[in-house]
Structures are given as C-alpha cells and as structure tokens.
Amino acid sequence: MEVRLLAENLTVEFPIYENSHRSLKKKVINMTTGGRIGSDAGKHPVVRALDTLSFDIQKGERVGLIGHNGSGKTTLLRVLTGVYSPVSGSLKANGRIASLLDVSMGLDPDATGFENIFIKGLMDGLPPEVIKKKVDEIADFTELGEYLNLPVKTYSSGMMLRLAFSISTSVEADIIIMDEWLSVGDAAFNQKASERLSSLIDKSSILVVASHDPNLIENVCNRKIHMEHGKIISDEKL
C-alpha cells in the first residue's frame, strides 16, 4: 500500500445559524484572517473554512502547516482525521492515521485508568487483543501507579493528560496528525514524552503538524504549507 494524502479541490463550509448574520458577515469580512462568508444553495450564510485545497503528501514527508489563527490549519487537520467532511472536492487517505489533536478526547471520567486504557484504545482503533498486550507498557509509561485503579474523575488535569498521551502514543501509525508539539506534565516526564513522540514520528511515513513555532517547523519538517483565509498561499520544500 502506498501511504499518501491526496486532496483535490477540498472545500469545507460551516452554516451560520443566527438572526444577526448581517452584522456577523460584516465583522468576518473585515477580519484580516478567518474563513470567507458566502451562501449555500438555500441562500443561507456559510463560512468557507477551507477553499478548494489541492495537495499531494507522500511517504517520507513531514509537513508543517503555518498561518495566522483562523487561517484554516486546524480545520484541515480535522478533515484529515475524519472529524469534518468536505462539502465538495475529495480526500484520499491511504494508511493508518493517528490523531494527536485532542488526546484527552474519549476518556470516561467514571471509569478507572485501566478501564480507560481499553476504552480509548478501542476508540483509537486498536483490537482488544492488541490492547491487552499493551496494557502493562502503557501503565508503566504513565507513572500513575495505583491511581490507575481509581476513577479518572479523581485525577488532576496533568494526570489525565499523562494517561491520555500514553494511550494515544502507543499506537503505531503510517500518518500522524498533530496540532503543535504535545507538552505533558513536569519537566522529567515531558522529556520522556517528547522522546516517545519523536520515536513515534520517526516510525511513521507521513507527519502533518500545525504550529506557530518556526523552530519546530524548521527542525522537524521538510515541507511547509502556508495557509490564509482557508487557502494555500505557498507550498515549499525545506
């Protein structure tokens, strides 16, 4: 299988459901960044978040998405992971995708840490037999010890993030989608987490990461896509 992300005229729109759309329209048009206001077939106002994007990302490419807030970076990442569907155009994704956009999504606060390893593992697409083999390794990496026997709602936000990160990064994937570099916990754990993340990326075929950090883009990526107003304004090799 050829690992690849191929988009042709990819377009995403969000309808505006409010009576004061005229003032909203004026406000958005006057913004220097953000989606374009338009109308759908029924003449309802919509925000065009992604506007006919076309790109071909192939094996070995580490792509950095840059642009101001509202330029469409996060929307594109969510389309790549299947959270949003395009209203027109096409996206072909060949390969197993791991989403690191919101690693805490899917945790059940009433379930224990161990139970959440299975719950989130299943949501991330892991077969039960694979999760069983990974439980001890995930538990050890969290460094949460006996807390894994307690409901997640008793955890601090840092402990919850440790658990979610440990589960999400236990999945080997062909394509990794990230919004900024993940930072987890205290300095010692964060160093360990960063090394794990780097290892996961090294094993993957494709990385797409959105970031405002030029050093991250320069050090990690070999291709840079600049977005504004939902469009690609430049696409260059690094």
Protein backbone atom coordinates (compact mmCIF):
# COMPACT_ATOMS: atom_id res chain seq x y z
CA MET A 1 0.00 0.00 0.00
CA GLU A 2 1.25 3.44 -0.93
CA VAL A 3 0.94 5.75 2.09
CA ARG A 4 -0.44 9.04 0.83
CA LEU A 5 -2.73 12.02 1.47
CA LEU A 6 -4.22 13.33 -1.76
CA ALA A 7 -6.67 16.25 -1.80
CA GLU A 8 -8.37 17.73 -4.85
CA ASN A 9 -10.38 20.95 -4.55
CA LEU A 10 -11.14 20.18 -0.91
CA THR A 11 -13.80 22.56 0.42
CA VAL A 12 -15.32 22.80 3.91
CA GLU A 13 -18.15 25.15 4.88
CA PHE A 14 -19.94 25.77 8.15
CA PRO A 15 -23.50 27.17 8.19
CA ILE A 16 -24.28 30.21 10.36
CA TYR A 17 -27.39 29.68 12.43
CA GLU A 18 -28.32 33.07 13.85
CA ASN A 19 -30.54 36.01 13.01
CA SER A 20 -27.84 38.61 13.20
CA HIS A 21 -25.86 37.18 10.29
CA ARG A 22 -25.65 40.57 8.59
CA SER A 23 -23.57 42.07 11.37
CA LEU A 24 -21.58 38.85 11.63
CA LYS A 25 -20.95 38.93 7.90
CA LYS A 26 -19.61 42.46 8.12
CA LYS A 27 -17.42 41.52 11.07
CA VAL A 28 -15.86 38.49 9.40
CA ILE A 29 -15.26 40.26 6.10
CA ASN A 30 -13.37 42.98 7.94
CA MET A 31 -11.11 40.49 9.69
CA THR A 32 -7.59 40.03 8.35
CA THR A 33 -7.79 36.28 8.87
CA GLY A 34 -10.52 33.68 9.01
CA GLY A 35 -13.00 31.99 6.71
CA ARG A 36 -14.89 33.69 3.92
CA ILE A 37 -18.61 34.36 4.21
CA GLY A 38 -20.79 33.04 1.40
CA SER A 39 -24.17 31.37 0.83
CA ASP A 40 -25.23 27.78 0.26
CA ALA A 41 -27.77 26.59 -2.31
CA GLY A 42 -30.61 27.66 0.00
CA LYS A 43 -29.14 31.17 0.36
CA HIS A 44 -28.18 30.55 3.99
CA PRO A 45 -24.96 32.24 5.10
CA VAL A 46 -21.98 29.94 5.48
CA VAL A 47 -18.34 30.34 6.43
CA ARG A 48 -15.99 28.74 3.92
CA ALA A 49 -13.25 27.45 6.22
CA LEU A 50 -11.31 25.59 3.50
CA ASP A 51 -11.46 26.84 -0.08
CA THR A 52 -10.65 24.34 -2.87
CA LEU A 53 -7.41 22.97 -1.41
CA SER A 54 -5.33 20.60 -3.52
CA PHE A 55 -2.16 18.87 -2.35
CA ASP A 56 -0.34 15.55 -2.52
CA ILE A 57 1.55 14.40 0.58
CA GLN A 58 3.63 11.26 0.11
CA LYS A 59 5.76 8.85 2.11
CA GLY A 60 8.69 10.48 3.88
CA GLU A 61 7.20 13.95 4.02
CA ARG A 62 6.97 15.91 7.26
CA VAL A 63 4.61 18.78 6.52
CA GLY A 64 4.33 21.88 8.67
CA LEU A 65 1.17 23.98 8.39
CA ILE A 66 1.64 27.67 9.17
CA GLY A 67 -0.65 30.70 9.14
CA HIS A 68 -2.47 33.06 11.48
CA ASN A 69 -5.23 31.89 13.81
CA GLY A 70 -8.31 31.31 11.67
CA SER A 71 -6.34 30.53 8.53
CA GLY A 72 -7.79 27.01 8.32
CA LYS A 73 -4.94 24.92 9.75
CA THR A 74 -6.91 23.17 12.50
CA THR A 75 -9.92 22.67 10.23
CA LEU A 76 -7.66 20.94 7.71
CA LEU A 77 -6.19 18.70 10.41
CA ARG A 78 -9.70 17.71 11.49
CA VAL A 79 -10.65 16.88 7.93
CA LEU A 80 -7.55 14.70 7.62
CA THR A 81 -8.58 12.76 10.75
CA GLY A 82 -12.21 12.42 9.67
CA VAL A 83 -13.76 14.80 12.20
CA TYR A 84 -15.12 17.06 9.45
CA SER A 85 -16.31 16.05 5.98
CA PRO A 86 -15.79 18.24 2.91
CA VAL A 87 -18.83 19.69 1.15
CA SER A 88 -17.07 19.28 -2.17
CA GLY A 89 -13.80 18.02 -3.57
CA SER A 90 -12.13 14.82 -2.45
CA LEU A 91 -9.62 13.48 0.05
CA LYS A 92 -7.91 10.11 -0.30
CA ALA A 93 -6.03 8.92 2.77
CA ASN A 94 -4.05 5.72 2.33
CA GLY A 95 -2.59 4.41 5.59
CA ARG A 96 -3.41 4.14 9.26
CA ILE A 97 -3.92 7.61 10.78
CA ALA A 98 -3.14 8.54 14.39
CA SER A 99 -4.74 11.77 15.60
CA LEU A 100 -2.92 13.67 18.35
CA LEU A 101 -5.20 16.71 18.09
CA ASP A 102 -7.04 16.15 21.37
CA VAL A 103 -5.51 13.20 23.17
CA SER A 104 -7.89 13.53 26.16
CA MET A 105 -10.96 13.03 23.98
CA GLY A 106 -12.70 9.74 24.73
CA LEU A 107 -11.69 9.37 28.37
CA ASP A 108 -14.56 8.28 30.62
CA PRO A 109 -14.33 10.18 33.94
CA ASP A 110 -16.30 7.49 35.79
CA ALA A 111 -14.07 4.64 34.59
CA THR A 112 -10.71 3.76 36.14
CA GLY A 113 -7.40 4.44 34.47
CA PHE A 114 -7.06 0.79 33.49
CA GLU A 115 -10.59 0.74 32.08
CA ASN A 116 -9.86 3.87 30.09
CA ILE A 117 -6.85 2.22 28.51
CA PHE A 118 -9.28 -0.24 26.94
CA ILE A 119 -11.96 2.37 26.16
CA LYS A 120 -9.65 4.87 24.48
CA GLY A 121 -7.63 2.11 22.87
CA LEU A 122 -10.78 0.84 21.17
CA MET A 123 -11.69 4.39 20.10
CA ASP A 124 -8.21 4.76 18.60
CA GLY A 125 -8.86 1.65 16.53
CA LEU A 126 -6.86 -0.94 18.44
CA PRO A 127 -8.23 -4.51 18.53
CA PRO A 128 -8.90 -5.82 22.08
CA GLU A 129 -6.13 -8.41 21.82
CA VAL A 130 -3.61 -5.69 20.96
CA ILE A 131 -4.74 -3.53 23.87
CA LYS A 132 -4.28 -6.44 26.27
CA LYS A 133 -0.67 -6.80 25.14
CA LYS A 134 -0.03 -3.07 25.58
CA VAL A 135 -1.72 -2.52 28.98
CA ASP A 136 1.39 -3.07 31.12
CA GLU A 137 3.60 -0.96 28.88
CA ILE A 138 1.06 1.90 28.84
CA ALA A 139 0.56 1.69 32.61
CA ASP A 140 4.32 1.80 33.25
CA PHE A 141 4.77 4.79 30.98
CA THR A 142 2.08 6.83 32.78
CA GLU A 143 3.92 6.51 36.13
CA LEU A 144 0.48 6.75 37.78
CA GLY A 145 0.83 3.53 39.78
CA GLU A 146 -2.17 2.71 41.97
CA TYR A 147 -4.06 5.73 40.66
CA LEU A 148 -4.86 3.61 37.60
CA ASN A 149 -7.29 1.68 39.81
CA LEU A 150 -9.21 4.89 40.62
CA PRO A 151 -11.83 6.73 38.51
CA VAL A 152 -10.30 9.27 36.15
CA LYS A 153 -12.55 11.98 37.64
CA THR A 154 -10.29 11.87 40.73
CA TYR A 155 -7.22 12.75 38.61
CA SER A 156 -5.65 16.15 38.24
CA SER A 157 -5.60 17.57 34.72
CA GLY A 158 -1.91 16.69 34.48
CA MET A 159 -2.53 13.07 35.47
CA MET A 160 -5.37 12.80 32.96
CA LEU A 161 -3.14 14.16 30.21
CA ARG A 162 -0.41 11.65 31.10
CA LEU A 163 -2.86 8.79 30.78
CA ALA A 164 -4.34 10.02 27.51
CA PHE A 165 -0.92 10.72 25.99
CA SER A 166 0.40 7.30 26.98
CA ILE A 167 -2.55 5.57 25.31
CA SER A 168 -2.59 7.67 22.14
CA THR A 169 1.15 7.35 21.50
CA SER A 170 1.12 3.57 21.98
CA VAL A 171 -0.43 3.25 18.52
CA GLU A 172 1.98 2.87 15.62
CA ALA A 173 0.62 4.66 12.57
CA ASP A 174 1.51 5.43 8.97
CA ILE A 175 0.24 9.00 9.20
CA ILE A 176 0.43 11.24 12.28
CA ILE A 177 -1.68 14.41 12.58
CA MET A 178 -0.72 16.96 15.27
CA ASP A 179 -1.66 20.48 16.34
CA GLU A 180 1.52 21.85 17.93
CA TRP A 181 4.05 19.67 19.75
CA LEU A 182 2.49 17.96 22.75
CA SER A 183 3.71 19.03 26.18
CA VAL A 184 2.83 16.74 29.06
CA GLY A 185 3.39 17.11 32.80
CA ASP A 186 6.53 18.09 34.67
CA ALA A 187 9.98 18.52 33.11
CA ALA A 188 11.15 14.94 33.70
CA PHE A 189 8.00 13.33 32.29
CA ASN A 190 7.81 15.85 29.48
CA GLN A 191 11.30 14.88 28.35
CA LYS A 192 10.31 11.22 28.31
CA ALA A 193 7.10 12.06 26.46
CA SER A 194 8.98 14.13 23.87
CA GLU A 195 11.34 11.22 23.19
CA ARG A 196 8.39 8.86 22.79
CA LEU A 197 6.70 11.29 20.42
CA SER A 198 9.87 11.65 18.36
CA SER A 199 10.17 7.86 18.13
CA LEU A 200 6.55 7.56 17.00
CA ILE A 201 7.10 10.18 14.31
CA ASP A 202 10.33 8.55 13.13
CA LYS A 203 8.47 5.27 12.58
CA SER A 204 5.64 6.93 10.65
CA SER A 205 5.58 7.53 6.91
CA ILE A 206 3.88 10.94 6.98
CA LEU A 207 3.60 13.73 9.56
CA VAL A 208 1.31 16.75 9.29
CA VAL A 209 1.70 19.27 12.11
CA ALA A 210 0.29 22.78 12.53
CA SER A 211 2.44 25.17 14.52
CA HIS A 212 3.22 28.82 15.23
CA ASP A 213 6.78 27.86 16.22
CA PRO A 214 9.19 28.46 13.31
CA ASN A 215 11.91 26.45 15.06
CA LEU A 216 9.66 23.39 15.25
CA ILE A 217 8.83 23.67 11.55
CA GLU A 218 12.50 24.08 10.65
CA ASN A 219 13.75 21.23 12.86
CA VAL A 220 11.02 18.64 12.26
CA CYS A 221 9.57 19.33 8.81
CA ASN A 222 10.85 19.01 5.24
CA ARG A 223 7.87 20.77 3.66
CA LYS A 224 5.94 23.89 4.65
CA ILE A 225 2.39 24.83 3.62
CA HIS A 226 1.30 28.41 4.36
CA MET A 227 -2.46 28.96 4.69
CA GLU A 228 -4.55 32.13 4.83
CA HIS A 229 -8.34 32.55 4.62
CA GLY A 230 -8.77 28.81 4.05
CA LYS A 231 -6.47 28.77 1.02
CA ILE A 232 -2.93 27.55 0.42
CA ILE A 233 -0.82 30.58 -0.49
CA SER A 234 2.52 28.76 -0.65
CA ASP A 235 3.80 25.17 -0.58
CA GLU A 236 7.55 24.72 -0.43
CA LYS A 237 10.23 22.16 0.32
CA LEU A 238 12.57 22.83 3.24
